[in-house]
Amino acid sequence: MTTDSPTTESTTTPADATTQDSAQPTVRHEPALSRYSLMFGETTAGFADYVIEGSRVLFTHVEVDPRHRGEGLASILVEHTLDDMRERTDLTVVAVCPYVVAWIDKHAEYQDLLTRGQ
């Protein structure tokens, strides 16, 4: 693993998305934008912005299109984003966005990301 930002774009389908749903979301990492995007086909339904500072990745903002709020998409996006960070980097996660702070507080299995590498 590396402390550098992954340099290739990746697209994954959330594990909890139903296979019967033809409009299931995917999460796309866009390193050039410092962003993870939640997509329905080629339409962006949400995004998580981050900034890398040395050995830390600061999650600064998560947003979901108002038409899709209340569907659990922000949770799917954050979970996928943190899973990708865990798998592809050694960066320490710093939750700046209040949504990410609350999400990690509710999901104890992700709290180790806040202290790794320290």
N, C-alpha and C. Protein backbone atom coordinates (compact mmCIF):
# COMPACT_ATOMS: atom_id res chain seq x y z
N MET A 1 0.84 -1.19 0.00
CA MET A 1 0.00 0.00 0.00
C MET A 1 0.88 1.24 0.00
N THR A 2 0.29 2.31 -0.42
CA THR A 2 1.04 3.55 -0.53
C THR A 2 0.29 4.67 0.17
N THR A 3 1.00 5.71 0.52
CA THR A 3 0.35 6.87 1.11
C THR A 3 -0.06 7.86 0.04
N ASP A 4 0.21 7.54 -1.19
CA ASP A 4 -0.16 8.42 -2.30
C ASP A 4 -1.60 8.16 -2.70
N SER A 5 -2.21 9.16 -3.29
CA SER A 5 -3.55 9.00 -3.82
C SER A 5 -3.51 8.03 -4.99
N PRO A 6 -4.48 7.12 -5.07
CA PRO A 6 -4.54 6.25 -6.24
C PRO A 6 -4.61 7.10 -7.50
N THR A 7 -3.89 6.69 -8.53
CA THR A 7 -3.79 7.52 -9.73
C THR A 7 -4.73 7.08 -10.84
N THR A 8 -5.42 5.99 -10.64
CA THR A 8 -6.33 5.54 -11.69
C THR A 8 -7.76 5.66 -11.22
N GLU A 9 -8.62 5.94 -12.15
CA GLU A 9 -10.04 6.02 -11.84
C GLU A 9 -10.56 4.62 -11.65
N SER A 10 -11.39 4.43 -10.64
CA SER A 10 -11.99 3.12 -10.41
C SER A 10 -13.49 3.28 -10.27
N THR A 11 -14.19 2.26 -10.68
CA THR A 11 -15.65 2.26 -10.55
C THR A 11 -16.05 0.94 -9.93
N THR A 12 -16.87 1.02 -8.89
CA THR A 12 -17.34 -0.19 -8.24
C THR A 12 -18.83 -0.07 -7.96
N THR A 13 -19.46 -1.22 -7.79
CA THR A 13 -20.87 -1.25 -7.46
C THR A 13 -21.00 -1.53 -5.98
N PRO A 14 -21.75 -0.72 -5.25
CA PRO A 14 -21.92 -0.97 -3.82
C PRO A 14 -22.42 -2.39 -3.56
N ALA A 15 -21.86 -3.03 -2.54
CA ALA A 15 -22.18 -4.42 -2.24
C ALA A 15 -23.64 -4.61 -1.85
N ASP A 16 -24.25 -3.59 -1.26
CA ASP A 16 -25.63 -3.75 -0.83
C ASP A 16 -26.64 -3.31 -1.88
N ALA A 17 -26.20 -2.97 -3.07
CA ALA A 17 -27.13 -2.62 -4.15
C ALA A 17 -27.76 -3.91 -4.66
N THR A 18 -29.04 -3.87 -4.91
CA THR A 18 -29.71 -5.07 -5.38
C THR A 18 -29.37 -5.33 -6.84
N THR A 19 -29.16 -6.58 -7.16
CA THR A 19 -28.81 -6.92 -8.54
C THR A 19 -30.03 -6.84 -9.44
N GLN A 20 -31.22 -6.83 -8.87
CA GLN A 20 -32.43 -6.75 -9.68
C GLN A 20 -32.73 -5.32 -10.12
N ASP A 21 -32.13 -4.35 -9.46
CA ASP A 21 -32.39 -2.95 -9.76
C ASP A 21 -31.51 -2.52 -10.93
N SER A 22 -32.14 -2.21 -12.06
CA SER A 22 -31.38 -1.85 -13.26
C SER A 22 -30.70 -0.50 -13.12
N ALA A 23 -31.13 0.29 -12.14
CA ALA A 23 -30.54 1.62 -11.96
C ALA A 23 -29.72 1.65 -10.67
N GLN A 24 -28.94 0.60 -10.42
CA GLN A 24 -28.15 0.57 -9.20
C GLN A 24 -26.97 1.54 -9.30
N PRO A 25 -26.64 2.18 -8.19
CA PRO A 25 -25.55 3.15 -8.22
C PRO A 25 -24.19 2.49 -8.25
N THR A 26 -23.24 3.22 -8.78
CA THR A 26 -21.84 2.83 -8.72
C THR A 26 -21.07 4.00 -8.11
N VAL A 27 -19.92 3.69 -7.55
CA VAL A 27 -19.06 4.72 -6.98
C VAL A 27 -17.80 4.79 -7.83
N ARG A 28 -17.48 5.98 -8.28
CA ARG A 28 -16.34 6.21 -9.17
C ARG A 28 -15.34 7.12 -8.46
N HIS A 29 -14.09 6.65 -8.39
CA HIS A 29 -13.04 7.50 -7.84
C HIS A 29 -12.47 8.33 -8.97
N GLU A 30 -12.43 9.64 -8.76
CA GLU A 30 -11.90 10.57 -9.75
C GLU A 30 -10.74 11.34 -9.10
N PRO A 31 -9.54 10.73 -9.08
CA PRO A 31 -8.41 11.34 -8.38
C PRO A 31 -8.04 12.73 -8.89
N ALA A 32 -8.23 13.01 -10.16
CA ALA A 32 -7.89 14.33 -10.70
C ALA A 32 -8.76 15.42 -10.08
N LEU A 33 -9.95 15.03 -9.60
CA LEU A 33 -10.87 15.97 -8.97
C LEU A 33 -10.84 15.87 -7.45
N SER A 34 -10.05 14.93 -6.91
CA SER A 34 -10.05 14.64 -5.47
C SER A 34 -11.48 14.38 -5.00
N ARG A 35 -12.11 13.42 -5.65
CA ARG A 35 -13.54 13.20 -5.43
C ARG A 35 -13.91 11.74 -5.71
N TYR A 36 -14.88 11.27 -4.94
CA TYR A 36 -15.58 10.03 -5.24
C TYR A 36 -16.98 10.44 -5.65
N SER A 37 -17.45 9.91 -6.77
CA SER A 37 -18.78 10.26 -7.27
C SER A 37 -19.69 9.05 -7.24
N LEU A 38 -20.90 9.25 -6.80
CA LEU A 38 -21.93 8.22 -6.83
C LEU A 38 -22.72 8.43 -8.11
N MET A 39 -22.75 7.41 -8.94
CA MET A 39 -23.30 7.53 -10.28
C MET A 39 -24.48 6.59 -10.51
N PHE A 40 -25.44 7.07 -11.27
CA PHE A 40 -26.47 6.25 -11.87
C PHE A 40 -26.21 6.35 -13.36
N GLY A 41 -25.60 5.34 -13.91
CA GLY A 41 -25.16 5.42 -15.31
C GLY A 41 -24.11 6.50 -15.41
N GLU A 42 -24.35 7.50 -16.23
CA GLU A 42 -23.42 8.62 -16.38
C GLU A 42 -23.89 9.87 -15.64
N THR A 43 -24.92 9.73 -14.80
CA THR A 43 -25.46 10.86 -14.05
C THR A 43 -24.93 10.82 -12.63
N THR A 44 -24.35 11.93 -12.19
CA THR A 44 -23.84 12.04 -10.83
C THR A 44 -24.99 12.33 -9.88
N ALA A 45 -25.14 11.47 -8.86
CA ALA A 45 -26.18 11.65 -7.86
C ALA A 45 -25.62 12.15 -6.54
N GLY A 46 -24.30 12.09 -6.39
CA GLY A 46 -23.68 12.56 -5.16
C GLY A 46 -22.17 12.51 -5.30
N PHE A 47 -21.49 13.13 -4.34
CA PHE A 47 -20.04 13.11 -4.36
C PHE A 47 -19.48 13.31 -2.97
N ALA A 48 -18.25 12.85 -2.79
CA ALA A 48 -17.48 13.04 -1.56
C ALA A 48 -16.15 13.65 -1.96
N ASP A 49 -15.90 14.86 -1.51
CA ASP A 49 -14.64 15.55 -1.81
C ASP A 49 -13.63 15.31 -0.71
N TYR A 50 -12.36 15.25 -1.10
CA TYR A 50 -11.30 15.06 -0.13
C TYR A 50 -10.07 15.89 -0.52
N VAL A 51 -9.19 16.07 0.46
CA VAL A 51 -7.91 16.75 0.26
C VAL A 51 -6.85 15.88 0.91
N ILE A 52 -5.76 15.64 0.22
CA ILE A 52 -4.65 14.89 0.81
C ILE A 52 -3.62 15.87 1.31
N GLU A 53 -3.28 15.72 2.59
CA GLU A 53 -2.24 16.54 3.23
C GLU A 53 -1.23 15.59 3.86
N GLY A 54 -0.13 15.37 3.19
CA GLY A 54 0.89 14.46 3.71
C GLY A 54 0.35 13.05 3.84
N SER A 55 0.32 12.54 5.07
CA SER A 55 -0.16 11.17 5.31
C SER A 55 -1.62 11.12 5.72
N ARG A 56 -2.32 12.23 5.53
CA ARG A 56 -3.74 12.31 5.92
C ARG A 56 -4.62 12.61 4.72
N VAL A 57 -5.83 12.08 4.76
CA VAL A 57 -6.84 12.42 3.77
C VAL A 57 -8.00 13.05 4.53
N LEU A 58 -8.32 14.28 4.19
CA LEU A 58 -9.38 15.02 4.85
C LEU A 58 -10.64 14.95 3.98
N PHE A 59 -11.71 14.37 4.54
CA PHE A 59 -12.98 14.34 3.82
C PHE A 59 -13.74 15.60 4.19
N THR A 60 -13.83 16.50 3.21
CA THR A 60 -14.29 17.86 3.47
C THR A 60 -15.78 18.08 3.17
N HIS A 61 -16.35 17.26 2.29
CA HIS A 61 -17.73 17.55 1.89
C HIS A 61 -18.35 16.33 1.24
N VAL A 62 -19.57 16.01 1.66
CA VAL A 62 -20.37 14.98 1.02
C VAL A 62 -21.70 15.62 0.66
N GLU A 63 -22.13 15.35 -0.56
CA GLU A 63 -23.39 15.94 -1.02
C GLU A 63 -24.12 14.94 -1.91
N VAL A 64 -25.44 14.89 -1.74
CA VAL A 64 -26.30 14.05 -2.59
C VAL A 64 -27.34 14.96 -3.23
N ASP A 65 -27.59 14.73 -4.50
CA ASP A 65 -28.61 15.48 -5.25
C ASP A 65 -29.91 15.44 -4.46
N PRO A 66 -30.56 16.60 -4.27
CA PRO A 66 -31.82 16.64 -3.50
C PRO A 66 -32.88 15.66 -3.99
N ARG A 67 -32.87 15.33 -5.27
CA ARG A 67 -33.86 14.38 -5.81
C ARG A 67 -33.63 12.97 -5.27
N HIS A 68 -32.43 12.70 -4.73
CA HIS A 68 -32.10 11.36 -4.24
C HIS A 68 -31.90 11.31 -2.73
N ARG A 69 -32.17 12.39 -2.05
CA ARG A 69 -32.00 12.38 -0.59
C ARG A 69 -33.03 11.47 0.05
N GLY A 70 -32.62 10.88 1.16
CA GLY A 70 -33.51 9.97 1.87
C GLY A 70 -33.48 8.55 1.34
N GLU A 71 -32.60 8.27 0.39
CA GLU A 71 -32.49 6.94 -0.21
C GLU A 71 -31.29 6.16 0.34
N GLY A 72 -30.57 6.73 1.29
CA GLY A 72 -29.40 6.06 1.85
C GLY A 72 -28.15 6.15 0.99
N LEU A 73 -28.18 7.01 -0.02
CA LEU A 73 -27.06 7.09 -0.95
C LEU A 73 -25.80 7.70 -0.33
N ALA A 74 -25.96 8.65 0.57
CA ALA A 74 -24.78 9.24 1.21
C ALA A 74 -24.05 8.18 2.02
N SER A 75 -24.78 7.32 2.68
CA SER A 75 -24.16 6.24 3.45
C SER A 75 -23.42 5.27 2.54
N ILE A 76 -24.04 4.90 1.44
CA ILE A 76 -23.38 4.02 0.46
C ILE A 76 -22.10 4.67 -0.04
N LEU A 77 -22.17 5.94 -0.36
CA LEU A 77 -21.01 6.68 -0.88
C LEU A 77 -19.88 6.71 0.14
N VAL A 78 -20.18 7.06 1.37
CA VAL A 78 -19.14 7.15 2.40
C VAL A 78 -18.54 5.77 2.68
N GLU A 79 -19.38 4.76 2.79
CA GLU A 79 -18.86 3.41 3.04
C GLU A 79 -17.92 2.97 1.94
N HIS A 80 -18.32 3.17 0.70
CA HIS A 80 -17.48 2.76 -0.43
C HIS A 80 -16.18 3.57 -0.48
N THR A 81 -16.28 4.85 -0.20
CA THR A 81 -15.11 5.71 -0.20
C THR A 81 -14.10 5.26 0.86
N LEU A 82 -14.58 5.01 2.06
CA LEU A 82 -13.69 4.58 3.14
C LEU A 82 -13.13 3.19 2.88
N ASP A 83 -13.94 2.30 2.31
CA ASP A 83 -13.43 0.97 1.94
C ASP A 83 -12.30 1.10 0.93
N ASP A 84 -12.46 1.97 -0.04
CA ASP A 84 -11.42 2.16 -1.05
C ASP A 84 -10.16 2.74 -0.42
N MET A 85 -10.31 3.71 0.45
CA MET A 85 -9.16 4.29 1.14
C MET A 85 -8.43 3.23 1.97
N ARG A 86 -9.18 2.39 2.65
CA ARG A 86 -8.58 1.34 3.47
C ARG A 86 -7.80 0.36 2.60
N GLU A 87 -8.38 0.00 1.48
CA GLU A 87 -7.79 -1.01 0.60
C GLU A 87 -6.59 -0.49 -0.18
N ARG A 88 -6.65 0.78 -0.63
CA ARG A 88 -5.65 1.27 -1.58
C ARG A 88 -4.64 2.25 -1.01
N THR A 89 -4.80 2.67 0.25
CA THR A 89 -3.84 3.61 0.82
C THR A 89 -3.56 3.28 2.28
N ASP A 90 -2.57 3.97 2.84
CA ASP A 90 -2.27 3.90 4.27
C ASP A 90 -2.58 5.24 4.93
N LEU A 91 -3.34 6.07 4.26
CA LEU A 91 -3.62 7.41 4.76
C LEU A 91 -4.51 7.37 6.00
N THR A 92 -4.26 8.32 6.91
CA THR A 92 -5.11 8.51 8.08
C THR A 92 -6.31 9.35 7.65
N VAL A 93 -7.49 8.90 7.96
CA VAL A 93 -8.71 9.61 7.59
C VAL A 93 -9.00 10.70 8.62
N VAL A 94 -9.26 11.89 8.13
CA VAL A 94 -9.69 13.01 8.97
C VAL A 94 -11.08 13.41 8.46
N ALA A 95 -12.06 13.21 9.32
CA ALA A 95 -13.44 13.54 8.95
C ALA A 95 -13.69 15.00 9.30
N VAL A 96 -13.79 15.83 8.26
CA VAL A 96 -14.08 17.26 8.42
C VAL A 96 -15.58 17.49 8.22
N CYS A 97 -16.14 16.85 7.24
CA CYS A 97 -17.56 16.97 6.92
C CYS A 97 -18.39 16.38 8.07
N PRO A 98 -19.36 17.12 8.58
CA PRO A 98 -20.18 16.61 9.69
C PRO A 98 -20.87 15.28 9.38
N TYR A 99 -21.25 15.06 8.14
CA TYR A 99 -21.88 13.79 7.80
C TYR A 99 -20.89 12.63 7.97
N VAL A 100 -19.65 12.82 7.51
CA VAL A 100 -18.64 11.77 7.64
C VAL A 100 -18.31 11.53 9.11
N VAL A 101 -18.23 12.59 9.91
CA VAL A 101 -18.00 12.44 11.35
C VAL A 101 -19.08 11.57 11.96
N ALA A 102 -20.34 11.90 11.70
CA ALA A 102 -21.47 11.14 12.27
C ALA A 102 -21.49 9.71 11.75
N TRP A 103 -21.18 9.52 10.48
CA TRP A 103 -21.20 8.18 9.89
C TRP A 103 -20.16 7.29 10.55
N ILE A 104 -18.95 7.80 10.71
CA ILE A 104 -17.89 7.00 11.35
C ILE A 104 -18.24 6.74 12.81
N ASP A 105 -18.83 7.71 13.49
CA ASP A 105 -19.25 7.50 14.88
C ASP A 105 -20.23 6.33 15.00
N LYS A 106 -21.09 6.16 13.99
CA LYS A 106 -22.09 5.10 14.01
C LYS A 106 -21.57 3.76 13.51
N HIS A 107 -20.40 3.75 12.89
CA HIS A 107 -19.84 2.54 12.31
C HIS A 107 -18.46 2.28 12.90
N ALA A 108 -18.45 1.63 14.06
CA ALA A 108 -17.22 1.41 14.82
C ALA A 108 -16.14 0.70 14.01
N GLU A 109 -16.53 -0.12 13.05
CA GLU A 109 -15.55 -0.87 12.26
C GLU A 109 -14.70 0.02 11.36
N TYR A 110 -15.04 1.32 11.26
CA TYR A 110 -14.27 2.25 10.45
C TYR A 110 -13.44 3.23 11.29
N GLN A 111 -13.60 3.18 12.59
CA GLN A 111 -12.91 4.15 13.45
C GLN A 111 -11.40 3.98 13.47
N ASP A 112 -10.91 2.79 13.14
CA ASP A 112 -9.46 2.59 13.08
C ASP A 112 -8.82 3.44 11.99
N LEU A 113 -9.59 3.84 10.97
CA LEU A 113 -9.04 4.69 9.90
C LEU A 113 -8.63 6.06 10.43
N LEU A 114 -9.21 6.47 11.56
CA LEU A 114 -8.92 7.79 12.13
C LEU A 114 -7.56 7.84 12.81
N THR A 115 -7.00 6.68 13.14
CA THR A 115 -5.75 6.67 13.89
C THR A 115 -4.63 5.89 13.21
N ARG A 116 -4.90 5.24 12.10
CA ARG A 116 -3.84 4.45 11.48
C ARG A 116 -2.73 5.35 10.98
N GLY A 117 -1.52 4.85 11.06
CA GLY A 117 -0.37 5.60 10.60
C GLY A 117 0.12 6.64 11.59
N GLN A 118 -0.50 6.73 12.74
CA GLN A 118 -0.07 7.72 13.73
C GLN A 118 0.83 7.09 14.76
